[in-house]
Amino acid sequence: KSRQPHPNLAYYDGNFRFEFAAPFFEGESETRFRSFLQG
């Protein structure tokens, strides 16, 4: 979080892939995620 907060990206950079993980180690295959892109 100390690097590149709130970057400004060129309009041609409008293709995103967010990758994420969670620090749950028991029953990892049962971990579920939800997401939301505000805006």
Full PDB file with SEQRES, HELIX, SHEET, SSBOND, CRYST1, ORIGX, SCALE, CONECT and MASTER records, all heavy atoms in Angstrom:
SEQRES   1 A   39  LYS SER ARG GLN PRO HIS PRO ASN LEU ALA TYR TYR ASP          
SEQRES   2 A   39  GLY ASN PHE ARG PHE GLU PHE ALA ALA PRO PHE PHE GLU          
SEQRES   3 A   39  GLY GLU SER GLU THR ARG PHE ARG SER PHE LEU GLN GLY          
HELIX    1 AA1 TYR A   11  ASP A   13  5                                   3    
HELIX    2 AA2 GLU A   28  GLU A   30  5                                   3    
CRYST1    1.000    1.000    1.000  90.00  90.00  90.00 P 1           1          
ORIGX1      1.000000  0.000000  0.000000        0.00000                         
ORIGX2      0.000000  1.000000  0.000000        0.00000                         
ORIGX3      0.000000  0.000000  1.000000        0.00000                         
SCALE1      1.000000  0.000000  0.000000        0.00000                         
SCALE2      0.000000  1.000000  0.000000        0.00000                         
SCALE3      0.000000  0.000000  1.000000        0.00000                         
ATOM      1  N   LYS A   1       0.802  -1.224   0.000  1.00  0.00           N  
ATOM      2  CA  LYS A   1       0.000   0.000   0.000  1.00  0.00           C  
ATOM      3  C   LYS A   1       0.835   1.275   0.000  1.00  0.00           C  
ATOM      4  O   LYS A   1       0.327   2.343  -0.294  1.00  0.00           O  
ATOM      5  CB  LYS A   1      -0.965  -0.006   1.183  1.00  0.00           C  
ATOM      6  CG  LYS A   1      -2.035  -1.053   1.038  1.00  0.00           C  
ATOM      7  CD  LYS A   1      -3.020  -0.997   2.175  1.00  0.00           C  
ATOM      8  CE  LYS A   1      -4.055  -2.101   2.005  1.00  0.00           C  
ATOM      9  NZ  LYS A   1      -5.046  -2.077   3.059  1.00  0.00           N  
ATOM     10  N   SER A   2       2.130   1.192   0.311  1.00  0.00           N  
ATOM     11  CA  SER A   2       2.976   2.384   0.307  1.00  0.00           C  
ATOM     12  C   SER A   2       3.436   2.741  -1.105  1.00  0.00           C  
ATOM     13  O   SER A   2       4.025   3.788  -1.314  1.00  0.00           O  
ATOM     14  CB  SER A   2       4.187   2.179   1.210  1.00  0.00           C  
ATOM     15  OG  SER A   2       5.045   1.185   0.672  1.00  0.00           O  
ATOM     16  N   ARG A   3       3.173   1.881  -2.081  1.00  0.00           N  
ATOM     17  CA  ARG A   3       3.605   2.114  -3.462  1.00  0.00           C  
ATOM     18  C   ARG A   3       2.401   2.333  -4.366  1.00  0.00           C  
ATOM     19  O   ARG A   3       1.411   1.638  -4.276  1.00  0.00           O  
ATOM     20  CB  ARG A   3       4.405   0.920  -3.967  1.00  0.00           C  
ATOM     21  CG  ARG A   3       5.597   0.604  -3.102  1.00  0.00           C  
ATOM     22  CD  ARG A   3       6.261  -0.632  -3.569  1.00  0.00           C  
ATOM     23  NE  ARG A   3       7.435  -0.207  -4.323  1.00  0.00           N  
ATOM     24  CZ  ARG A   3       8.116  -0.970  -5.113  1.00  0.00           C  
ATOM     25  NH1 ARG A   3       7.747  -2.205  -5.311  1.00  0.00           N  
ATOM     26  NH2 ARG A   3       9.171  -0.522  -5.729  1.00  0.00           N  
ATOM     27  N   GLN A   4       2.514   3.304  -5.216  1.00  0.00           N  
ATOM     28  CA  GLN A   4       1.527   3.612  -6.245  1.00  0.00           C  
ATOM     29  C   GLN A   4       0.085   3.689  -5.751  1.00  0.00           C  
ATOM     30  O   GLN A   4      -0.790   3.009  -6.277  1.00  0.00           O  
ATOM     31  CB  GLN A   4       1.609   2.600  -7.378  1.00  0.00           C  
ATOM     32  CG  GLN A   4       2.764   2.816  -8.292  1.00  0.00           C  
ATOM     33  CD  GLN A   4       2.666   1.940  -9.516  1.00  0.00           C  
ATOM     34  OE1 GLN A   4       2.335   0.770  -9.428  1.00  0.00           O  
ATOM     35  NE2 GLN A   4       2.958   2.500 -10.653  1.00  0.00           N  
ATOM     36  N   PRO A   5      -0.189   4.508  -4.758  1.00  0.00           N  
ATOM     37  CA  PRO A   5      -1.593   4.646  -4.358  1.00  0.00           C  
ATOM     38  C   PRO A   5      -2.368   5.417  -5.421  1.00  0.00           C  
ATOM     39  O   PRO A   5      -1.881   6.396  -5.962  1.00  0.00           O  
ATOM     40  CB  PRO A   5      -1.509   5.419  -3.044  1.00  0.00           C  
ATOM     41  CG  PRO A   5      -0.238   6.192  -3.140  1.00  0.00           C  
ATOM     42  CD  PRO A   5       0.693   5.352  -3.980  1.00  0.00           C  
ATOM     43  N   HIS A   6      -3.535   4.957  -5.746  1.00  0.00           N  
ATOM     44  CA  HIS A   6      -4.451   5.617  -6.678  1.00  0.00           C  
ATOM     45  C   HIS A   6      -3.784   5.972  -8.013  1.00  0.00           C  
ATOM     46  O   HIS A   6      -3.730   7.145  -8.385  1.00  0.00           O  
ATOM     47  CB  HIS A   6      -5.047   6.882  -6.058  1.00  0.00           C  
ATOM     48  CG  HIS A   6      -5.503   6.715  -4.652  1.00  0.00           C  
ATOM     49  ND1 HIS A   6      -6.723   6.184  -4.333  1.00  0.00           N  
ATOM     50  CD2 HIS A   6      -4.892   6.982  -3.482  1.00  0.00           C  
ATOM     51  CE1 HIS A   6      -6.840   6.150  -3.020  1.00  0.00           C  
ATOM     52  NE2 HIS A   6      -5.744   6.610  -2.481  1.00  0.00           N  
ATOM     53  N   PRO A   7      -3.270   5.008  -8.751  1.00  0.00           N  
ATOM     54  CA  PRO A   7      -2.597   5.347 -10.013  1.00  0.00           C  
ATOM     55  C   PRO A   7      -3.574   5.937 -11.032  1.00  0.00           C  
ATOM     56  O   PRO A   7      -4.758   5.610 -11.051  1.00  0.00           O  
ATOM     57  CB  PRO A   7      -2.051   4.005 -10.493  1.00  0.00           C  
ATOM     58  CG  PRO A   7      -2.917   2.990  -9.861  1.00  0.00           C  
ATOM     59  CD  PRO A   7      -3.315   3.571  -8.540  1.00  0.00           C  
ATOM     60  N   ASN A   8      -3.041   6.821 -11.856  1.00  0.00           N  
ATOM     61  CA  ASN A   8      -3.769   7.348 -13.001  1.00  0.00           C  
ATOM     62  C   ASN A   8      -3.312   6.563 -14.219  1.00  0.00           C  
ATOM     63  O   ASN A   8      -2.118   6.523 -14.517  1.00  0.00           O  
ATOM     64  CB  ASN A   8      -3.469   8.837 -13.190  1.00  0.00           C  
ATOM     65  CG  ASN A   8      -4.055   9.672 -12.084  1.00  0.00           C  
ATOM     66  OD1 ASN A   8      -5.205   9.498 -11.716  1.00  0.00           O  
ATOM     67  ND2 ASN A   8      -3.270  10.579 -11.545  1.00  0.00           N  
ATOM     68  N   LEU A   9      -4.249   5.941 -14.903  1.00  0.00           N  
ATOM     69  CA  LEU A   9      -3.926   5.086 -16.032  1.00  0.00           C  
ATOM     70  C   LEU A   9      -4.496   5.676 -17.325  1.00  0.00           C  
ATOM     71  O   LEU A   9      -5.571   6.268 -17.320  1.00  0.00           O  
ATOM     72  CB  LEU A   9      -4.502   3.688 -15.799  1.00  0.00           C  
ATOM     73  CG  LEU A   9      -4.045   3.024 -14.499  1.00  0.00           C  
ATOM     74  CD1 LEU A   9      -4.866   1.788 -14.215  1.00  0.00           C  
ATOM     75  CD2 LEU A   9      -2.565   2.688 -14.568  1.00  0.00           C  
ATOM     76  N   ALA A  10      -3.773   5.493 -18.407  1.00  0.00           N  
ATOM     77  CA  ALA A  10      -4.221   5.997 -19.703  1.00  0.00           C  
ATOM     78  C   ALA A  10      -5.496   5.281 -20.133  1.00  0.00           C  
ATOM     79  O   ALA A  10      -5.731   4.131 -19.751  1.00  0.00           O  
ATOM     80  CB  ALA A  10      -3.125   5.789 -20.743  1.00  0.00           C  
ATOM     81  N   TYR A  11      -6.296   5.931 -20.936  1.00  0.00           N  
ATOM     82  CA  TYR A  11      -7.586   5.363 -21.351  1.00  0.00           C  
ATOM     83  C   TYR A  11      -7.428   4.042 -22.078  1.00  0.00           C  
ATOM     84  O   TYR A  11      -8.306   3.185 -22.011  1.00  0.00           O  
ATOM     85  CB  TYR A  11      -8.371   6.360 -22.222  1.00  0.00           C  
ATOM     86  CG  TYR A  11      -7.775   6.569 -23.592  1.00  0.00           C  
ATOM     87  CD1 TYR A  11      -8.213   5.837 -24.681  1.00  0.00           C  
ATOM     88  CD2 TYR A  11      -6.765   7.509 -23.786  1.00  0.00           C  
ATOM     89  CE1 TYR A  11      -7.663   6.016 -25.932  1.00  0.00           C  
ATOM     90  CE2 TYR A  11      -6.205   7.687 -25.025  1.00  0.00           C  
ATOM     91  CZ  TYR A  11      -6.653   6.945 -26.103  1.00  0.00           C  
ATOM     92  OH  TYR A  11      -6.097   7.135 -27.334  1.00  0.00           O  
ATOM     93  N   TYR A  12      -6.314   3.824 -22.754  1.00  0.00           N  
ATOM     94  CA  TYR A  12      -6.108   2.550 -23.457  1.00  0.00           C  
ATOM     95  C   TYR A  12      -5.704   1.422 -22.510  1.00  0.00           C  
ATOM     96  O   TYR A  12      -5.572   0.288 -22.917  1.00  0.00           O  
ATOM     97  CB  TYR A  12      -5.103   2.694 -24.606  1.00  0.00           C  
ATOM     98  CG  TYR A  12      -3.777   3.295 -24.199  1.00  0.00           C  
ATOM     99  CD1 TYR A  12      -2.804   2.534 -23.554  1.00  0.00           C  
ATOM    100  CD2 TYR A  12      -3.507   4.629 -24.467  1.00  0.00           C  
ATOM    101  CE1 TYR A  12      -1.600   3.096 -23.189  1.00  0.00           C  
ATOM    102  CE2 TYR A  12      -2.301   5.192 -24.096  1.00  0.00           C  
ATOM    103  CZ  TYR A  12      -1.356   4.426 -23.466  1.00  0.00           C  
ATOM    104  OH  TYR A  12      -0.157   4.980 -23.089  1.00  0.00           O  
ATOM    105  N   ASP A  13      -5.529   1.747 -21.225  1.00  0.00           N  
ATOM    106  CA  ASP A  13      -5.225   0.732 -20.207  1.00  0.00           C  
ATOM    107  C   ASP A  13      -6.490   0.269 -19.498  1.00  0.00           C  
ATOM    108  O   ASP A  13      -6.482  -0.004 -18.307  1.00  0.00           O  
ATOM    109  CB  ASP A  13      -4.237   1.284 -19.166  1.00  0.00           C  
ATOM    110  CG  ASP A  13      -2.828   1.382 -19.695  1.00  0.00           C  
ATOM    111  OD1 ASP A  13      -2.484   0.621 -20.612  1.00  0.00           O  
ATOM    112  OD2 ASP A  13      -2.072   2.232 -19.191  1.00  0.00           O  
ATOM    113  N   GLY A  14      -7.586   0.153 -20.185  1.00  0.00           N  
ATOM    114  CA  GLY A  14      -8.868  -0.178 -19.577  1.00  0.00           C  
ATOM    115  C   GLY A  14      -9.162  -1.659 -19.433  1.00  0.00           C  
ATOM    116  O   GLY A  14     -10.300  -2.038 -19.193  1.00  0.00           O  
ATOM    117  N   ASN A  15      -8.165  -2.537 -19.592  1.00  0.00           N  
ATOM    118  CA  ASN A  15      -8.351  -3.982 -19.439  1.00  0.00           C  
ATOM    119  C   ASN A  15      -7.624  -4.438 -18.179  1.00  0.00           C  
ATOM    120  O   ASN A  15      -6.404  -4.351 -18.100  1.00  0.00           O  
ATOM    121  CB  ASN A  15      -7.820  -4.727 -20.657  1.00  0.00           C  
ATOM    122  CG  ASN A  15      -8.560  -4.337 -21.915  1.00  0.00           C  
ATOM    123  OD1 ASN A  15      -9.774  -4.215 -21.921  1.00  0.00           O  
ATOM    124  ND2 ASN A  15      -7.828  -4.110 -22.993  1.00  0.00           N  
ATOM    125  N   PHE A  16      -8.395  -4.918 -17.213  1.00  0.00           N  
ATOM    126  CA  PHE A  16      -7.853  -5.260 -15.901  1.00  0.00           C  
ATOM    127  C   PHE A  16      -8.069  -6.719 -15.547  1.00  0.00           C  
ATOM    128  O   PHE A  16      -9.104  -7.296 -15.884  1.00  0.00           O  
ATOM    129  CB  PHE A  16      -8.570  -4.438 -14.807  1.00  0.00           C  
ATOM    130  CG  PHE A  16      -8.158  -3.012 -14.763  1.00  0.00           C  
ATOM    131  CD1 PHE A  16      -8.678  -2.109 -15.659  1.00  0.00           C  
ATOM    132  CD2 PHE A  16      -7.249  -2.586 -13.811  1.00  0.00           C  
ATOM    133  CE1 PHE A  16      -8.299  -0.783 -15.613  1.00  0.00           C  
ATOM    134  CE2 PHE A  16      -6.869  -1.261 -13.763  1.00  0.00           C  
ATOM    135  CZ  PHE A  16      -7.399  -0.354 -14.673  1.00  0.00           C  
ATOM    136  N   ARG A  17      -7.095  -7.283 -14.818  1.00  0.00           N  
ATOM    137  CA  ARG A  17      -7.286  -8.580 -14.169  1.00  0.00           C  
ATOM    138  C   ARG A  17      -6.779  -8.427 -12.743  1.00  0.00           C  
ATOM    139  O   ARG A  17      -5.606  -8.151 -12.511  1.00  0.00           O  
ATOM    140  CB  ARG A  17      -6.533  -9.701 -14.866  1.00  0.00           C  
ATOM    141  CG  ARG A  17      -6.831 -11.051 -14.165  1.00  0.00           C  
ATOM    142  CD  ARG A  17      -6.210 -12.242 -14.852  1.00  0.00           C  
ATOM    143  NE  ARG A  17      -4.780 -12.218 -14.638  1.00  0.00           N  
ATOM    144  CZ  ARG A  17      -3.886 -12.526 -15.578  1.00  0.00           C  
ATOM    145  NH1 ARG A  17      -4.268 -12.839 -16.789  1.00  0.00           N  
ATOM    146  NH2 ARG A  17      -2.595 -12.496 -15.310  1.00  0.00           N  
ATOM    147  N   PHE A  18      -7.685  -8.574 -11.802  1.00  0.00           N  
ATOM    148  CA  PHE A  18      -7.342  -8.541 -10.390  1.00  0.00           C  
ATOM    149  C   PHE A  18      -7.143  -9.976  -9.926  1.00  0.00           C  
ATOM    150  O   PHE A  18      -7.989 -10.823 -10.175  1.00  0.00           O  
ATOM    151  CB  PHE A  18      -8.466  -7.891  -9.577  1.00  0.00           C  
ATOM    152  CG  PHE A  18      -8.646  -6.427  -9.859  1.00  0.00           C  
ATOM    153  CD1 PHE A  18      -9.565  -5.996 -10.797  1.00  0.00           C  
ATOM    154  CD2 PHE A  18      -7.892  -5.493  -9.178  1.00  0.00           C  
ATOM    155  CE1 PHE A  18      -9.728  -4.648 -11.056  1.00  0.00           C  
ATOM    156  CE2 PHE A  18      -8.049  -4.132  -9.433  1.00  0.00           C  
ATOM    157  CZ  PHE A  18      -8.969  -3.721 -10.376  1.00  0.00           C  
ATOM    158  N   GLU A  19      -6.024 -10.245  -9.269  1.00  0.00           N  
ATOM    159  CA  GLU A  19      -5.744 -11.559  -8.691  1.00  0.00           C  
ATOM    160  C   GLU A  19      -5.633 -11.376  -7.186  1.00  0.00           C  
ATOM    161  O   GLU A  19      -5.034 -10.411  -6.725  1.00  0.00           O  
ATOM    162  CB  GLU A  19      -4.448 -12.127  -9.263  1.00  0.00           C  
ATOM    163  CG  GLU A  19      -4.519 -12.356 -10.757  1.00  0.00           C  
ATOM    164  CD  GLU A  19      -3.210 -12.864 -11.359  1.00  0.00           C  
ATOM    165  OE1 GLU A  19      -2.215 -13.016 -10.611  1.00  0.00           O  
ATOM    166  OE2 GLU A  19      -3.196 -13.088 -12.566  1.00  0.00           O  
ATOM    167  N   PHE A  20      -6.212 -12.311  -6.424  1.00  0.00           N  
ATOM    168  CA  PHE A  20      -6.241 -12.152  -4.976  1.00  0.00           C  
ATOM    169  C   PHE A  20      -6.133 -13.491  -4.282  1.00  0.00           C  
ATOM    170  O   PHE A  20      -6.318 -14.545  -4.888  1.00  0.00           O  
ATOM    171  CB  PHE A  20      -7.504 -11.407  -4.531  1.00  0.00           C  
ATOM    172  CG  PHE A  20      -8.735 -11.697  -5.361  1.00  0.00           C  
ATOM    173  CD1 PHE A  20      -9.544 -12.774  -5.065  1.00  0.00           C  
ATOM    174  CD2 PHE A  20      -9.070 -10.894  -6.431  1.00  0.00           C  
ATOM    175  CE1 PHE A  20     -10.673 -13.050  -5.825  1.00  0.00           C  
ATOM    176  CE2 PHE A  20     -10.202 -11.149  -7.205  1.00  0.00           C  
ATOM    177  CZ  PHE A  20     -11.009 -12.235  -6.895  1.00  0.00           C  
ATOM    178  N   ALA A  21      -5.803 -13.440  -2.998  1.00  0.00           N  
ATOM    179  CA  ALA A  21      -5.661 -14.637  -2.165  1.00  0.00           C  
ATOM    180  C   ALA A  21      -6.087 -14.270  -0.748  1.00  0.00           C  
ATOM    181  O   ALA A  21      -6.297 -13.098  -0.446  1.00  0.00           O  
ATOM    182  CB  ALA A  21      -4.213 -15.115  -2.168  1.00  0.00           C  
ATOM    183  N   ALA A  22      -6.211 -15.266   0.098  1.00  0.00           N  
ATOM    184  CA  ALA A  22      -6.609 -15.030   1.486  1.00  0.00           C  
ATOM    185  C   ALA A  22      -5.721 -15.838   2.422  1.00  0.00           C  
ATOM    186  O   ALA A  22      -5.273 -16.924   2.064  1.00  0.00           O  
ATOM    187  CB  ALA A  22      -8.072 -15.423   1.696  1.00  0.00           C  
ATOM    188  N   PRO A  23      -5.466 -15.318   3.630  1.00  0.00           N  
ATOM    189  CA  PRO A  23      -4.604 -16.017   4.584  1.00  0.00           C  
ATOM    190  C   PRO A  23      -5.342 -17.078   5.400  1.00  0.00           C  
ATOM    191  O   PRO A  23      -5.175 -17.175   6.602  1.00  0.00           O  
ATOM    192  CB  PRO A  23      -4.104 -14.879   5.476  1.00  0.00           C  
ATOM    193  CG  PRO A  23      -5.252 -13.929   5.493  1.00  0.00           C  
ATOM    194  CD  PRO A  23      -5.845 -14.004   4.108  1.00  0.00           C  
ATOM    195  N   PHE A  24      -6.194 -17.852   4.748  1.00  0.00           N  
ATOM    196  CA  PHE A  24      -6.880 -18.967   5.402  1.00  0.00           C  
ATOM    197  C   PHE A  24      -6.208 -20.245   4.920  1.00  0.00           C  
ATOM    198  O   PHE A  24      -6.164 -20.507   3.723  1.00  0.00           O  
ATOM    199  CB  PHE A  24      -8.365 -18.999   5.021  1.00  0.00           C  
ATOM    200  CG  PHE A  24      -9.144 -17.771   5.385  1.00  0.00           C  
ATOM    201  CD1 PHE A  24     -10.014 -17.203   4.472  1.00  0.00           C  
ATOM    202  CD2 PHE A  24      -9.042 -17.191   6.640  1.00  0.00           C  
ATOM    203  CE1 PHE A  24     -10.756 -16.079   4.799  1.00  0.00           C  
ATOM    204  CE2 PHE A  24      -9.779 -16.069   6.972  1.00  0.00           C  
ATOM    205  CZ  PHE A  24     -10.634 -15.511   6.048  1.00  0.00           C  
ATOM    206  N   PHE A  25      -5.684 -21.046   5.834  1.00  0.00           N  
ATOM    207  CA  PHE A  25      -4.913 -22.212   5.426  1.00  0.00           C  
ATOM    208  C   PHE A  25      -5.636 -23.529   5.682  1.00  0.00           C  
ATOM    209  O   PHE A  25      -5.272 -24.547   5.124  1.00  0.00           O  
ATOM    210  CB  PHE A  25      -3.550 -22.196   6.116  1.00  0.00           C  
ATOM    211  CG  PHE A  25      -2.785 -20.942   5.797  1.00  0.00           C  
ATOM    212  CD1 PHE A  25      -2.628 -19.947   6.748  1.00  0.00           C  
ATOM    213  CD2 PHE A  25      -2.269 -20.739   4.531  1.00  0.00           C  
ATOM    214  CE1 PHE A  25      -1.951 -18.780   6.446  1.00  0.00           C  
ATOM    215  CE2 PHE A  25      -1.589 -19.585   4.214  1.00  0.00           C  
ATOM    216  CZ  PHE A  25      -1.432 -18.601   5.176  1.00  0.00           C  
ATOM    217  N   GLU A  26      -6.646 -23.502   6.505  1.00  0.00           N  
ATOM    218  CA  GLU A  26      -7.413 -24.708   6.776  1.00  0.00           C  
ATOM    219  C   GLU A  26      -8.580 -24.753   5.802  1.00  0.00           C  
ATOM    220  O   GLU A  26      -9.337 -23.799   5.676  1.00  0.00           O  
ATOM    221  CB  GLU A  26      -7.917 -24.695   8.219  1.00  0.00           C  
ATOM    222  CG  GLU A  26      -8.398 -26.048   8.680  1.00  0.00           C  
ATOM    223  CD  GLU A  26      -8.664 -26.061  10.179  1.00  0.00           C  
ATOM    224  OE1 GLU A  26      -8.043 -25.286  10.915  1.00  0.00           O  
ATOM    225  OE2 GLU A  26      -9.517 -26.851  10.589  1.00  0.00           O  
ATOM    226  N   GLY A  27      -8.730 -25.853   5.086  1.00  0.00           N  
ATOM    227  CA  GLY A  27      -9.812 -25.975   4.117  1.00  0.00           C  
ATOM    228  C   GLY A  27      -9.693 -24.959   2.995  1.00  0.00           C  
ATOM    229  O   GLY A  27     -10.692 -24.376   2.579  1.00  0.00           O  
ATOM    230  N   GLU A  28      -8.478 -24.744   2.509  1.00  0.00           N  
ATOM    231  CA  GLU A  28      -8.233 -23.734   1.468  1.00  0.00           C  
ATOM    232  C   GLU A  28      -9.155 -23.867   0.264  1.00  0.00           C  
ATOM    233  O   GLU A  28      -9.586 -22.870  -0.294  1.00  0.00           O  
ATOM    234  CB  GLU A  28      -6.787 -23.803   0.981  1.00  0.00           C  
ATOM    235  CG  GLU A  28      -5.853 -22.908   1.720  1.00  0.00           C  
ATOM    236  CD  GLU A  28      -4.471 -22.931   1.103  1.00  0.00           C  
ATOM    237  OE1 GLU A  28      -3.676 -23.803   1.504  1.00  0.00           O  
ATOM    238  OE2 GLU A  28      -4.208 -22.098   0.229  1.00  0.00           O  
ATOM    239  N   SER A  29      -9.454 -25.081  -0.126  1.00  0.00           N  
ATOM    240  CA  SER A  29     -10.300 -25.281  -1.310  1.00  0.00           C  
ATOM    241  C   SER A  29     -11.732 -24.809  -1.080  1.00  0.00           C  
ATOM    242  O   SER A  29     -12.489 -24.649  -2.032  1.00  0.00           O  
ATOM    243  CB  SER A  29     -10.294 -26.748  -1.741  1.00  0.00           C  
ATOM    244  OG  SER A  29     -10.890 -27.546  -0.735  1.00  0.00           O  
ATOM    245  N   GLU A  30     -12.092 -24.576   0.175  1.00  0.00           N  
ATOM    246  CA  GLU A  30     -13.442 -24.086   0.492  1.00  0.00           C  
ATOM    247  C   GLU A  30     -13.508 -22.561   0.639  1.00  0.00           C  
ATOM    248  O   GLU A  30     -14.585 -22.012   0.878  1.00  0.00           O  
ATOM    249  CB  GLU A  30     -13.933 -24.736   1.792  1.00  0.00           C  
ATOM    250  CG  GLU A  30     -14.059 -26.240   1.705  1.00  0.00           C  
ATOM    251  CD  GLU A  30     -15.022 -26.689   0.609  1.00  0.00           C  
ATOM    252  OE1 GLU A  30     -16.105 -26.094   0.475  1.00  0.00           O  
ATOM    253  OE2 GLU A  30     -14.664 -27.629  -0.131  1.00  0.00           O  
ATOM    254  N   THR A  31     -12.371 -21.887   0.515  1.00  0.00           N  
ATOM    255  CA  THR A  31     -12.363 -20.430   0.601  1.00  0.00           C  
ATOM    256  C   THR A  31     -13.129 -19.852  -0.580  1.00  0.00           C  
ATOM    257  O   THR A  31     -12.981 -20.294  -1.715  1.00  0.00           O  
ATOM    258  CB  THR A  31     -10.920 -19.878   0.611  1.00  0.00           C  
ATOM    259  OG1 THR A  31     -10.231 -20.435   1.736  1.00  0.00           O  
ATOM    260  CG2 THR A  31     -10.900 -18.369   0.705  1.00  0.00           C  
ATOM    261  N   ARG A  32     -13.965 -18.857  -0.299  1.00  0.00           N  
ATOM    262  CA  ARG A  32     -14.770 -18.188  -1.324  1.00  0.00           C  
ATOM    263  C   ARG A  32     -14.481 -16.696  -1.281  1.00  0.00           C  
ATOM    264  O   ARG A  32     -14.120 -16.146  -0.245  1.00  0.00           O  
ATOM    265  CB  ARG A  32     -16.274 -18.424  -1.097  1.00  0.00           C  
ATOM    266  CG  ARG A  32     -16.684 -19.890  -1.169  1.00  0.00           C  
ATOM    267  CD  ARG A  32     -16.547 -20.416  -2.593  1.00  0.00           C  
ATOM    268  NE  ARG A  32     -16.947 -21.794  -2.732  1.00  0.00           N  
ATOM    269  CZ  ARG A  32     -16.125 -22.831  -2.811  1.00  0.00           C  
ATOM    270  NH1 ARG A  32     -14.824 -22.652  -2.726  1.00  0.00           N  
ATOM    271  NH2 ARG A  32     -16.575 -24.050  -2.977  1.00  0.00           N  
ATOM    272  N   PHE A  33     -14.638 -16.052  -2.431  1.00  0.00           N  
ATOM    273  CA  PHE A  33     -14.367 -14.632  -2.555  1.00  0.00           C  
ATOM    274  C   PHE A  33     -15.564 -13.930  -3.179  1.00  0.00           C  
ATOM    275  O   PHE A  33     -16.302 -14.511  -3.972  1.00  0.00           O  
ATOM    276  CB  PHE A  33     -13.151 -14.403  -3.464  1.00  0.00           C  
ATOM    277  CG  PHE A  33     -11.898 -15.035  -2.953  1.00  0.00           C  
ATOM    278  CD1 PHE A  33     -11.569 -16.339  -3.296  1.00  0.00           C  
ATOM    279  CD2 PHE A  33     -11.036 -14.333  -2.126  1.00  0.00           C  
ATOM    280  CE1 PHE A  33     -10.406 -16.926  -2.821  1.00  0.00           C  
ATOM    281  CE2 PHE A  33      -9.879 -14.917  -1.653  1.00  0.00           C  
ATOM    282  CZ  PHE A  33      -9.564 -16.215  -2.001  1.00  0.00           C  
ATOM    283  N   ARG A  34     -15.702 -12.659  -2.823  1.00  0.00           N  
ATOM    284  CA  ARG A  34     -16.674 -11.817  -3.496  1.00  0.00           C  
ATOM    285  C   ARG A  34     -15.961 -10.509  -3.822  1.00  0.00           C  
ATOM    286  O   ARG A  34     -15.029 -10.097  -3.118  1.00  0.00           O  
ATOM    287  CB  ARG A  34     -17.921 -11.587  -2.665  1.00  0.00           C  
ATOM    288  CG  ARG A  34     -17.718 -10.763  -1.421  1.00  0.00           C  
ATOM    289  CD  ARG A  34     -19.028 -10.564  -0.702  1.00  0.00           C  
ATOM    290  NE  ARG A  34     -18.835  -9.709   0.467  1.00  0.00           N  
ATOM    291  CZ  ARG A  34     -19.822  -9.182   1.165  1.00  0.00           C  
ATOM    292  NH1 ARG A  34     -21.078  -9.444   0.822  1.00  0.00           N  
ATOM    293  NH2 ARG A  34     -19.575  -8.420   2.197  1.00  0.00           N  
ATOM    294  N   SER A  35     -16.401  -9.878  -4.898  1.00  0.00           N  
ATOM    295  CA  SER A  35     -15.756  -8.635  -5.321  1.00  0.00           C  
ATOM    296  C   SER A  35     -16.804  -7.650  -5.824  1.00  0.00           C  
ATOM    297  O   SER A  35     -17.953  -8.011  -6.086  1.00  0.00           O  
ATOM    298  CB  SER A  35     -14.721  -8.923  -6.409  1.00  0.00           C  
ATOM    299  OG  SER A  35     -15.344  -9.485  -7.545  1.00  0.00           O  
ATOM    300  N   PHE A  36     -16.339  -6.423  -5.972  1.00  0.00           N  
ATOM    301  CA  PHE A  36     -17.229  -5.339  -6.378  1.00  0.00           C  
ATOM    302  C   PHE A  36     -16.359  -4.217  -6.935  1.00  0.00           C  
ATOM    303  O   PHE A  36     -15.426  -3.768  -6.268  1.00  0.00           O  
ATOM    304  CB  PHE A  36     -18.020  -4.877  -5.153  1.00  0.00           C  
ATOM    305  CG  PHE A  36     -18.773  -3.592  -5.303  1.00  0.00           C  
ATOM    306  CD1 PHE A  36     -19.698  -3.398  -6.314  1.00  0.00           C  
ATOM    307  CD2 PHE A  36     -18.581  -2.571  -4.393  1.00  0.00           C  
ATOM    308  CE1 PHE A  36     -20.400  -2.215  -6.422  1.00  0.00           C  
ATOM    309  CE2 PHE A  36     -19.287  -1.380  -4.478  1.00  0.00           C  
ATOM    310  CZ  PHE A  36     -20.198  -1.201  -5.505  1.00  0.00           C  
ATOM    311  N   LEU A  37     -16.618  -3.782  -8.161  1.00  0.00           N  
ATOM    312  CA  LEU A  37     -15.897  -2.659  -8.747  1.00  0.00           C  
ATOM    313  C   LEU A  37     -16.796  -1.434  -8.692  1.00  0.00           C  
ATOM    314  O   LEU A  37     -17.689  -1.258  -9.513  1.00  0.00           O  
ATOM    315  CB  LEU A  37     -15.459  -2.953 -10.179  1.00  0.00           C  
ATOM    316  CG  LEU A  37     -14.626  -1.852 -10.849  1.00  0.00           C  
ATOM    317  CD1 LEU A  37     -13.374  -1.534 -10.047  1.00  0.00           C  
ATOM    318  CD2 LEU A  37     -14.278  -2.239 -12.274  1.00  0.00           C  
ATOM    319  N   GLN A  38     -16.562  -0.613  -7.678  1.00  0.00           N  
ATOM    320  CA  GLN A  38     -17.337   0.613  -7.487  1.00  0.00           C  
ATOM    321  C   GLN A  38     -17.031   1.562  -8.644  1.00  0.00           C  
ATOM    322  O   GLN A  38     -15.888   1.752  -9.011  1.00  0.00           O  
ATOM    323  CB  GLN A  38     -16.940   1.239  -6.159  1.00  0.00           C  
ATOM    324  CG  GLN A  38     -17.747   2.421  -5.743  1.00  0.00           C  
ATOM    325  CD  GLN A  38     -17.323   2.908  -4.356  1.00  0.00           C  
ATOM    326  OE1 GLN A  38     -16.620   2.224  -3.622  1.00  0.00           O  
ATOM    327  NE2 GLN A  38     -17.748   4.092  -4.027  1.00  0.00           N  
ATOM    328  N   GLY A  39     -18.057   2.116  -9.225  1.00  0.00           N  
ATOM    329  CA  GLY A  39     -17.913   2.957 -10.409  1.00  0.00           C  
ATOM    330  C   GLY A  39     -18.270   2.204 -11.673  1.00  0.00           C  
ATOM    331  O   GLY A  39     -18.367   2.780 -12.750  1.00  0.00           O  
TER     332      GLY A  39                                                      
MASTER        0    0    0    2    0    0    0    6  331    1    0    3          
END                                                                             
